[in-house]
Amino acid sequence: MPDDLQIVPTGDGSNTIYNSQVGENYHSRHGALQESRHVFLNSGLNYFLETAPSKSPPTGETLIKAVSVLEVGFGTGLNFLLSAQYCSENHIRLNYNGIEAYPLSEGLIFQTGYERFVSVPIWDSFRDQYLHSLNHAIDINPYCKLHTAHCKLLDFETEEQFDVIYFDAFASARQPEMWNEKAIAHTVGFLKPGGVFVTYAITGNLKRIIKSLGLKVEKAPGAPGKREMLRAIRRTNMQV
């Protein structure tokens, strides 16, 4: 294990990784699992699935639910694993793209203990194919596809747009270049009209930037340890 990375327990019994070079944990010290579930799975993915207008299929066909997610700061993969588990259980097709400039080693990720939170097939498939997901799309199972882009945020380009964006960079005090107007505008450009942008943070500057880009900003209850978090919806008539 690199000297600057250390697996540490959090308040809910799940583990995270502490990066001494950055001076920050990858997840909330109050609870990695509960933060990931609250901020990204429930306030992001579930919120979109529950509020997005459903499209009726042609007569006689079955409606197949599908959702696309872009994560800024793939990190340990916890947000992906919980999303994959939820979508697999609910028969939702998940197209998941993660951006990670500094991918963690598979050995370190597999010491996190996150196999406790997902099914054995999902964990085994993720474990066996994680390295292949770096710059290549892989099938975790019939419902879930994963592609991890090994690049910095501003170098990420795709023609694809996404239903939900998980913005999970280190805090702005540690990584201010991820939270400036240029970085946020670049990120929001990948969001579909009606799509949801969600992050654990909420600051006056972030709200100002998001509003200036034309998104509707919502204050949502934060995960334990934070009173509030930010969720924003891209207006259907908005151009970025």
C-alpha atoms as a PDB file:
ATOM      1  CA  MET A   1       0.000   0.000   0.000  1.00  0.00           C
ATOM      2  CA  PRO A   2       1.405   3.458  -0.874  1.00  0.00           C
ATOM      3  CA  ASP A   3       2.627   5.368   2.172  1.00  0.00           C
ATOM      4  CA  ASP A   4       0.212   8.240   1.541  1.00  0.00           C
ATOM      5  CA  LEU A   5      -2.879   5.976   1.407  1.00  0.00           C
ATOM      6  CA  GLN A   6      -4.367   4.231   4.427  1.00  0.00           C
ATOM      7  CA  ILE A   7      -7.585   2.311   4.985  1.00  0.00           C
ATOM      8  CA  VAL A   8      -9.443   3.755   7.976  1.00  0.00           C
ATOM      9  CA  PRO A   9     -12.808   2.956   9.605  1.00  0.00           C
ATOM     10  CA  THR A  10     -15.660   5.474   9.582  1.00  0.00           C
ATOM     11  CA  GLY A  11     -18.490   6.120  12.013  1.00  0.00           C
ATOM     12  CA  ASP A  12     -20.953   3.609  10.551  1.00  0.00           C
ATOM     13  CA  GLY A  13     -18.443   0.736  10.545  1.00  0.00           C
ATOM     14  CA  SER A  14     -17.613   0.941   6.831  1.00  0.00           C
ATOM     15  CA  ASN A  15     -14.117   1.787   5.667  1.00  0.00           C
ATOM     16  CA  THR A  16     -12.706   4.608   3.624  1.00  0.00           C
ATOM     17  CA  ILE A  17      -9.231   5.562   2.447  1.00  0.00           C
ATOM     18  CA  TYR A  18      -7.268   8.463   3.879  1.00  0.00           C
ATOM     19  CA  ASN A  19      -4.933  10.277   1.514  1.00  0.00           C
ATOM     20  CA  SER A  20      -2.275  11.987   3.629  1.00  0.00           C
ATOM     21  CA  GLN A  21      -0.857  13.815   0.600  1.00  0.00           C
ATOM     22  CA  VAL A  22      -4.199  15.547   0.047  1.00  0.00           C
ATOM     23  CA  GLY A  23      -5.113  15.538   3.729  1.00  0.00           C
ATOM     24  CA  GLU A  24      -8.571  14.143   3.079  1.00  0.00           C
ATOM     25  CA  ASN A  25     -10.656  10.982   3.335  1.00  0.00           C
ATOM     26  CA  TYR A  26     -12.352   9.596   0.234  1.00  0.00           C
ATOM     27  CA  HIS A  27     -15.650   9.544   2.156  1.00  0.00           C
ATOM     28  CA  SER A  28     -17.202  11.144   5.221  1.00  0.00           C
ATOM     29  CA  ARG A  29     -15.574  10.132   8.493  1.00  0.00           C
ATOM     30  CA  HIS A  30     -19.128   9.938   9.887  1.00  0.00           C
ATOM     31  CA  GLY A  31     -19.843   6.988   7.607  1.00  0.00           C
ATOM     32  CA  ALA A  32     -18.685   6.084   4.116  1.00  0.00           C
ATOM     33  CA  LEU A  33     -21.611   3.781   3.388  1.00  0.00           C
ATOM     34  CA  GLN A  34     -24.347   6.043   4.708  1.00  0.00           C
ATOM     35  CA  GLU A  35     -22.909   9.081   2.888  1.00  0.00           C
ATOM     36  CA  SER A  36     -22.754   7.209  -0.421  1.00  0.00           C
ATOM     37  CA  ARG A  37     -26.295   5.893  -0.024  1.00  0.00           C
ATOM     38  CA  HIS A  38     -27.762   9.205   1.104  1.00  0.00           C
ATOM     39  CA  VAL A  39     -26.041  11.652  -1.240  1.00  0.00           C
ATOM     40  CA  PHE A  40     -25.587   9.707  -4.440  1.00  0.00           C
ATOM     41  CA  LEU A  41     -27.910   6.701  -4.469  1.00  0.00           C
ATOM     42  CA  ASN A  42     -30.965   8.215  -2.777  1.00  0.00           C
ATOM     43  CA  SER A  43     -30.672  11.961  -3.451  1.00  0.00           C
ATOM     44  CA  GLY A  44     -29.246  11.456  -6.942  1.00  0.00           C
ATOM     45  CA  LEU A  45     -30.117   8.213  -8.709  1.00  0.00           C
ATOM     46  CA  ASN A  46     -33.380   7.416  -6.907  1.00  0.00           C
ATOM     47  CA  TYR A  47     -34.501  11.030  -7.090  1.00  0.00           C
ATOM     48  CA  PHE A  48     -34.045  11.033 -10.861  1.00  0.00           C
ATOM     49  CA  LEU A  49     -35.792   7.694 -11.340  1.00  0.00           C
ATOM     50  CA  GLU A  50     -38.744   8.785  -9.204  1.00  0.00           C
ATOM     51  CA  THR A  51     -39.193  12.239 -10.756  1.00  0.00           C
ATOM     52  CA  ALA A  52     -38.247  11.741 -14.412  1.00  0.00           C
ATOM     53  CA  PRO A  53     -41.274  11.455 -16.723  1.00  0.00           C
ATOM     54  CA  SER A  54     -41.751   7.873 -17.868  1.00  0.00           C
ATOM     55  CA  LYS A  55     -42.048   7.217 -21.584  1.00  0.00           C
ATOM     56  CA  SER A  56     -44.741   4.809 -22.667  1.00  0.00           C
ATOM     57  CA  PRO A  57     -43.479   2.018 -24.959  1.00  0.00           C
ATOM     58  CA  PRO A  58     -45.239   1.013 -28.169  1.00  0.00           C
ATOM     59  CA  THR A  59     -48.320  -1.146 -27.656  1.00  0.00           C
ATOM     60  CA  GLY A  60     -47.465  -4.662 -26.594  1.00  0.00           C
ATOM     61  CA  GLU A  61     -43.868  -3.872 -25.619  1.00  0.00           C
ATOM     62  CA  THR A  62     -42.437  -3.883 -22.116  1.00  0.00           C
ATOM     63  CA  LEU A  63     -41.041  -0.631 -20.736  1.00  0.00           C
ATOM     64  CA  ILE A  64     -37.355  -1.148 -19.986  1.00  0.00           C
ATOM     65  CA  LYS A  65     -35.969   1.308 -17.464  1.00  0.00           C
ATOM     66  CA  ALA A  66     -32.504   2.649 -18.134  1.00  0.00           C
ATOM     67  CA  VAL A  67     -30.317   5.315 -16.550  1.00  0.00           C
ATOM     68  CA  SER A  68     -26.908   6.766 -17.319  1.00  0.00           C
ATOM     69  CA  VAL A  69     -24.575   8.088 -14.609  1.00  0.00           C
ATOM     70  CA  LEU A  70     -21.356  10.089 -14.797  1.00  0.00           C
ATOM     71  CA  GLU A  71     -19.250  10.181 -11.644  1.00  0.00           C
ATOM     72  CA  VAL A  72     -16.536  12.794 -11.159  1.00  0.00           C
ATOM     73  CA  GLY A  73     -14.099  11.183  -8.736  1.00  0.00           C
ATOM     74  CA  PHE A  74     -14.584   7.412  -9.086  1.00  0.00           C
ATOM     75  CA  GLY A  75     -12.239   6.787  -6.159  1.00  0.00           C
ATOM     76  CA  THR A  76     -12.902   3.529  -4.354  1.00  0.00           C
ATOM     77  CA  GLY A  77     -15.866   2.553  -6.542  1.00  0.00           C
ATOM     78  CA  LEU A  78     -18.338   2.545  -3.656  1.00  0.00           C
ATOM     79  CA  ASN A  79     -20.863   4.810  -5.391  1.00  0.00           C
ATOM     80  CA  PHE A  80     -20.759   2.599  -8.466  1.00  0.00           C
ATOM     81  CA  LEU A  81     -21.144  -0.628  -6.495  1.00  0.00           C
ATOM     82  CA  LEU A  82     -24.213   0.606  -4.621  1.00  0.00           C
ATOM     83  CA  SER A  83     -25.738   1.932  -7.857  1.00  0.00           C
ATOM     84  CA  ALA A  84     -25.054  -1.359  -9.636  1.00  0.00           C
ATOM     85  CA  GLN A  85     -26.629  -3.330  -6.807  1.00  0.00           C
ATOM     86  CA  TYR A  86     -29.754  -1.154  -6.786  1.00  0.00           C
ATOM     87  CA  CYS A  87     -30.197  -1.237 -10.562  1.00  0.00           C
ATOM     88  CA  SER A  88     -29.646  -4.991 -10.745  1.00  0.00           C
ATOM     89  CA  GLU A  89     -32.225  -5.614  -8.018  1.00  0.00           C
ATOM     90  CA  ASN A  90     -34.763  -3.382  -9.747  1.00  0.00           C
ATOM     91  CA  HIS A  91     -34.069  -4.506 -13.340  1.00  0.00           C
ATOM     92  CA  ILE A  92     -32.797  -1.104 -14.457  1.00  0.00           C
ATOM     93  CA  ARG A  93     -30.124  -0.874 -17.115  1.00  0.00           C
ATOM     94  CA  LEU A  94     -27.241   1.187 -15.795  1.00  0.00           C
ATOM     95  CA  ASN A  95     -24.637   2.823 -18.012  1.00  0.00           C
ATOM     96  CA  TYR A  96     -22.015   4.119 -15.563  1.00  0.00           C
ATOM     97  CA  ASN A  97     -19.029   6.263 -16.468  1.00  0.00           C
ATOM     98  CA  GLY A  98     -16.466   7.327 -13.891  1.00  0.00           C
ATOM     99  CA  ILE A  99     -13.695   9.904 -14.202  1.00  0.00           C
ATOM    100  CA  GLU A 100     -10.600   9.265 -12.095  1.00  0.00           C
ATOM    101  CA  ALA A 101      -7.304  11.036 -12.690  1.00  0.00           C
ATOM    102  CA  TYR A 102      -5.473   8.938 -10.113  1.00  0.00           C
ATOM    103  CA  PRO A 103      -6.952   5.418 -10.061  1.00  0.00           C
ATOM    104  CA  LEU A 104      -6.414   3.426  -6.905  1.00  0.00           C
ATOM    105  CA  SER A 105      -4.727   0.055  -7.201  1.00  0.00           C
ATOM    106  CA  GLU A 106      -7.025  -2.946  -7.347  1.00  0.00           C
ATOM    107  CA  GLY A 107      -5.281  -4.330  -4.266  1.00  0.00           C
ATOM    108  CA  LEU A 108      -6.189  -1.251  -2.239  1.00  0.00           C
ATOM    109  CA  ILE A 109      -9.791  -1.132  -3.452  1.00  0.00           C
ATOM    110  CA  PHE A 110     -10.279  -4.790  -2.634  1.00  0.00           C
ATOM    111  CA  GLN A 111      -9.146  -4.220   0.955  1.00  0.00           C
ATOM    112  CA  THR A 112     -11.994  -1.788   1.616  1.00  0.00           C
ATOM    113  CA  GLY A 113     -14.455  -4.508   2.596  1.00  0.00           C
ATOM    114  CA  TYR A 114     -17.134  -3.218   0.235  1.00  0.00           C
ATOM    115  CA  GLU A 115     -18.001  -6.761  -0.792  1.00  0.00           C
ATOM    116  CA  ARG A 116     -20.246  -6.711   2.307  1.00  0.00           C
ATOM    117  CA  PHE A 117     -22.604  -4.239   0.635  1.00  0.00           C
ATOM    118  CA  VAL A 118     -23.252  -5.901  -2.722  1.00  0.00           C
ATOM    119  CA  SER A 119     -24.030  -9.348  -4.048  1.00  0.00           C
ATOM    120  CA  VAL A 120     -21.248 -11.844  -4.624  1.00  0.00           C
ATOM    121  CA  PRO A 121     -21.691 -11.849  -8.445  1.00  0.00           C
ATOM    122  CA  ILE A 122     -21.449  -8.040  -8.646  1.00  0.00           C
ATOM    123  CA  TRP A 123     -18.395  -7.908  -6.407  1.00  0.00           C
ATOM    124  CA  ASP A 124     -16.643 -10.772  -8.209  1.00  0.00           C
ATOM    125  CA  SER A 125     -17.298  -9.223 -11.610  1.00  0.00           C
ATOM    126  CA  PHE A 126     -16.055  -5.815 -10.432  1.00  0.00           C
ATOM    127  CA  ARG A 127     -12.973  -7.373  -8.858  1.00  0.00           C
ATOM    128  CA  ASP A 128     -12.127  -9.436 -11.928  1.00  0.00           C
ATOM    129  CA  GLN A 129     -12.665  -6.634 -14.445  1.00  0.00           C
ATOM    130  CA  TYR A 130     -11.785  -3.410 -12.596  1.00  0.00           C
ATOM    131  CA  LEU A 131      -8.495  -2.870 -14.422  1.00  0.00           C
ATOM    132  CA  HIS A 132     -10.181  -3.538 -17.772  1.00  0.00           C
ATOM    133  CA  SER A 133     -12.703  -0.766 -17.038  1.00  0.00           C
ATOM    134  CA  LEU A 134      -9.936   1.849 -17.227  1.00  0.00           C
ATOM    135  CA  ASN A 135     -10.642   3.401 -20.636  1.00  0.00           C
ATOM    136  CA  HIS A 136     -12.720   0.399 -21.777  1.00  0.00           C
ATOM    137  CA  ALA A 137     -16.429  -0.298 -21.204  1.00  0.00           C
ATOM    138  CA  ILE A 138     -17.109  -3.599 -19.445  1.00  0.00           C
ATOM    139  CA  ASP A 139     -20.276  -5.509 -18.591  1.00  0.00           C
ATOM    140  CA  ILE A 140     -20.557  -6.119 -14.852  1.00  0.00           C
ATOM    141  CA  ASN A 141     -23.733  -8.129 -15.453  1.00  0.00           C
ATOM    142  CA  PRO A 142     -26.624  -8.015 -17.949  1.00  0.00           C
ATOM    143  CA  TYR A 143     -27.891  -4.795 -16.369  1.00  0.00           C
ATOM    144  CA  CYS A 144     -24.753  -2.822 -15.580  1.00  0.00           C
ATOM    145  CA  LYS A 145     -22.008  -1.443 -17.777  1.00  0.00           C
ATOM    146  CA  LEU A 146     -18.930   0.349 -16.375  1.00  0.00           C
ATOM    147  CA  HIS A 147     -16.383   2.599 -18.072  1.00  0.00           C
ATOM    148  CA  THR A 148     -13.711   4.434 -16.058  1.00  0.00           C
ATOM    149  CA  ALA A 149     -11.873   7.263 -17.796  1.00  0.00           C
ATOM    150  CA  HIS A 150      -8.307   7.611 -16.549  1.00  0.00           C
ATOM    151  CA  CYS A 151      -7.879  11.364 -17.060  1.00  0.00           C
ATOM    152  CA  LYS A 152      -8.314  14.750 -15.436  1.00  0.00           C
ATOM    153  CA  LEU A 153     -11.791  16.263 -15.476  1.00  0.00           C
ATOM    154  CA  LEU A 154     -11.056  18.968 -18.057  1.00  0.00           C
ATOM    155  CA  ASP A 155      -9.487  16.370 -20.362  1.00  0.00           C
ATOM    156  CA  PHE A 156     -12.615  14.205 -20.335  1.00  0.00           C
ATOM    157  CA  GLU A 157     -14.613  14.374 -23.555  1.00  0.00           C
ATOM    158  CA  THR A 158     -17.546  12.356 -24.831  1.00  0.00           C
ATOM    159  CA  GLU A 159     -20.497  12.843 -27.147  1.00  0.00           C
ATOM    160  CA  GLU A 160     -22.674  11.103 -24.570  1.00  0.00           C
ATOM    161  CA  GLN A 161     -24.891  12.943 -22.111  1.00  0.00           C
ATOM    162  CA  PHE A 162     -26.029  11.592 -18.762  1.00  0.00           C
ATOM    163  CA  ASP A 163     -29.172  11.464 -16.659  1.00  0.00           C
ATOM    164  CA  VAL A 164     -27.350  11.856 -13.357  1.00  0.00           C
ATOM    165  CA  ILE A 165     -23.972  13.313 -12.394  1.00  0.00           C
ATOM    166  CA  TYR A 166     -22.345  12.326  -9.112  1.00  0.00           C
ATOM    167  CA  PHE A 167     -19.841  15.071  -8.267  1.00  0.00           C
ATOM    168  CA  ASP A 168     -17.576  13.451  -5.662  1.00  0.00           C
ATOM    169  CA  ALA A 169     -14.271  15.317  -5.843  1.00  0.00           C
ATOM    170  CA  PHE A 170     -12.234  16.075  -2.730  1.00  0.00           C
ATOM    171  CA  ALA A 171     -13.414  19.145  -0.808  1.00  0.00           C
ATOM    172  CA  SER A 172     -12.807  22.552  -2.368  1.00  0.00           C
ATOM    173  CA  ALA A 173     -10.356  23.465   0.395  1.00  0.00           C
ATOM    174  CA  ARG A 174      -8.144  20.573  -0.738  1.00  0.00           C
ATOM    175  CA  GLN A 175      -8.866  20.532  -4.465  1.00  0.00           C
ATOM    176  CA  PRO A 176     -10.098  24.015  -5.455  1.00  0.00           C
ATOM    177  CA  GLU A 177      -9.459  23.471  -9.175  1.00  0.00           C
ATOM    178  CA  MET A 178     -12.293  20.919  -9.221  1.00  0.00           C
ATOM    179  CA  TRP A 179     -14.844  23.421  -7.930  1.00  0.00           C
ATOM    180  CA  ASN A 180     -14.194  26.514 -10.023  1.00  0.00           C
ATOM    181  CA  GLU A 181     -16.534  27.773 -12.733  1.00  0.00           C
ATOM    182  CA  LYS A 182     -14.562  26.196 -15.570  1.00  0.00           C
ATOM    183  CA  ALA A 183     -14.626  22.724 -13.996  1.00  0.00           C
ATOM    184  CA  ILE A 184     -18.296  22.880 -13.024  1.00  0.00           C
ATOM    185  CA  ALA A 185     -19.367  24.227 -16.436  1.00  0.00           C
ATOM    186  CA  HIS A 186     -17.417  21.454 -18.170  1.00  0.00           C
ATOM    187  CA  THR A 187     -19.145  18.880 -15.976  1.00  0.00           C
ATOM    188  CA  VAL A 188     -22.657  20.269 -16.392  1.00  0.00           C
ATOM    189  CA  GLY A 189     -22.176  20.191 -20.155  1.00  0.00           C
ATOM    190  CA  PHE A 190     -22.514  16.393 -19.987  1.00  0.00           C
ATOM    191  CA  LEU A 191     -25.913  16.541 -18.272  1.00  0.00           C
ATOM    192  CA  LYS A 192     -29.086  15.834 -20.227  1.00  0.00           C
ATOM    193  CA  PRO A 193     -31.988  18.284 -20.089  1.00  0.00           C
ATOM    194  CA  GLY A 194     -33.961  17.269 -17.024  1.00  0.00           C
ATOM    195  CA  GLY A 195     -30.897  15.547 -15.589  1.00  0.00           C
ATOM    196  CA  VAL A 196     -29.749  15.719 -11.983  1.00  0.00           C
ATOM    197  CA  PHE A 197     -26.410  16.984 -10.638  1.00  0.00           C
ATOM    198  CA  VAL A 198     -25.727  15.988  -7.049  1.00  0.00           C
ATOM    199  CA  THR A 199     -22.871  16.500  -4.601  1.00  0.00           C
ATOM    200  CA  TYR A 200     -22.238  16.214  -0.872  1.00  0.00           C
ATOM    201  CA  ALA A 201     -21.097  19.866  -0.661  1.00  0.00           C
ATOM    202  CA  ILE A 202     -23.004  23.121  -0.587  1.00  0.00           C
ATOM    203  CA  THR A 203     -21.285  26.491  -0.539  1.00  0.00           C
ATOM    204  CA  GLY A 204     -22.323  29.952  -1.592  1.00  0.00           C
ATOM    205  CA  ASN A 205     -19.812  29.929  -4.428  1.00  0.00           C
ATOM    206  CA  LEU A 206     -20.979  26.557  -5.727  1.00  0.00           C
ATOM    207  CA  LYS A 207     -24.612  27.660  -5.671  1.00  0.00           C
ATOM    208  CA  ARG A 208     -23.696  30.856  -7.510  1.00  0.00           C
ATOM    209  CA  ILE A 209     -21.823  28.943 -10.228  1.00  0.00           C
ATOM    210  CA  ILE A 210     -24.573  26.362 -10.672  1.00  0.00           C
ATOM    211  CA  LYS A 211     -27.278  29.048 -10.873  1.00  0.00           C
ATOM    212  CA  SER A 212     -25.222  31.079 -13.354  1.00  0.00           C
ATOM    213  CA  LEU A 213     -25.170  28.015 -15.627  1.00  0.00           C
ATOM    214  CA  GLY A 214     -28.954  27.974 -15.663  1.00  0.00           C
ATOM    215  CA  LEU A 215     -29.631  24.988 -13.420  1.00  0.00           C
ATOM    216  CA  LYS A 216     -32.341  24.932 -10.786  1.00  0.00           C
ATOM    217  CA  VAL A 217     -30.614  24.602  -7.411  1.00  0.00           C
ATOM    218  CA  GLU A 218     -32.115  22.696  -4.517  1.00  0.00           C
ATOM    219  CA  LYS A 219     -30.920  22.409  -0.935  1.00  0.00           C
ATOM    220  CA  ALA A 220     -31.381  18.852   0.253  1.00  0.00           C
ATOM    221  CA  PRO A 221     -30.778  17.359   3.711  1.00  0.00           C
ATOM    222  CA  GLY A 222     -27.157  16.330   4.078  1.00  0.00           C
ATOM    223  CA  ALA A 223     -25.704  13.024   5.168  1.00  0.00           C
ATOM    224  CA  PRO A 224     -24.802  12.653   8.863  1.00  0.00           C
ATOM    225  CA  GLY A 225     -22.238  15.301   9.744  1.00  0.00           C
ATOM    226  CA  LYS A 226     -23.590  17.789   7.168  1.00  0.00           C
ATOM    227  CA  ARG A 227     -26.775  19.803   7.519  1.00  0.00           C
ATOM    228  CA  GLU A 228     -27.329  20.299   3.801  1.00  0.00           C
ATOM    229  CA  MET A 229     -26.131  19.157   0.387  1.00  0.00           C
ATOM    230  CA  LEU A 230     -26.688  20.426  -3.139  1.00  0.00           C
ATOM    231  CA  ARG A 231     -28.839  18.978  -5.887  1.00  0.00           C
ATOM    232  CA  ALA A 232     -29.451  20.761  -9.186  1.00  0.00           C
ATOM    233  CA  ILE A 233     -31.644  20.014 -12.181  1.00  0.00           C
ATOM    234  CA  ARG A 234     -30.805  21.033 -15.726  1.00  0.00           C
ATOM    235  CA  ARG A 235     -33.708  22.917 -17.233  1.00  0.00           C
ATOM    236  CA  THR A 236     -35.064  21.413 -20.451  1.00  0.00           C
ATOM    237  CA  ASN A 237     -34.604  24.673 -22.364  1.00  0.00           C
ATOM    238  CA  MET A 238     -31.080  25.331 -21.092  1.00  0.00           C
ATOM    239  CA  GLN A 239     -27.928  25.552 -23.178  1.00  0.00           C
ATOM    240  CA  VAL A 240     -24.412  25.194 -21.710  1.00  0.00           C
END
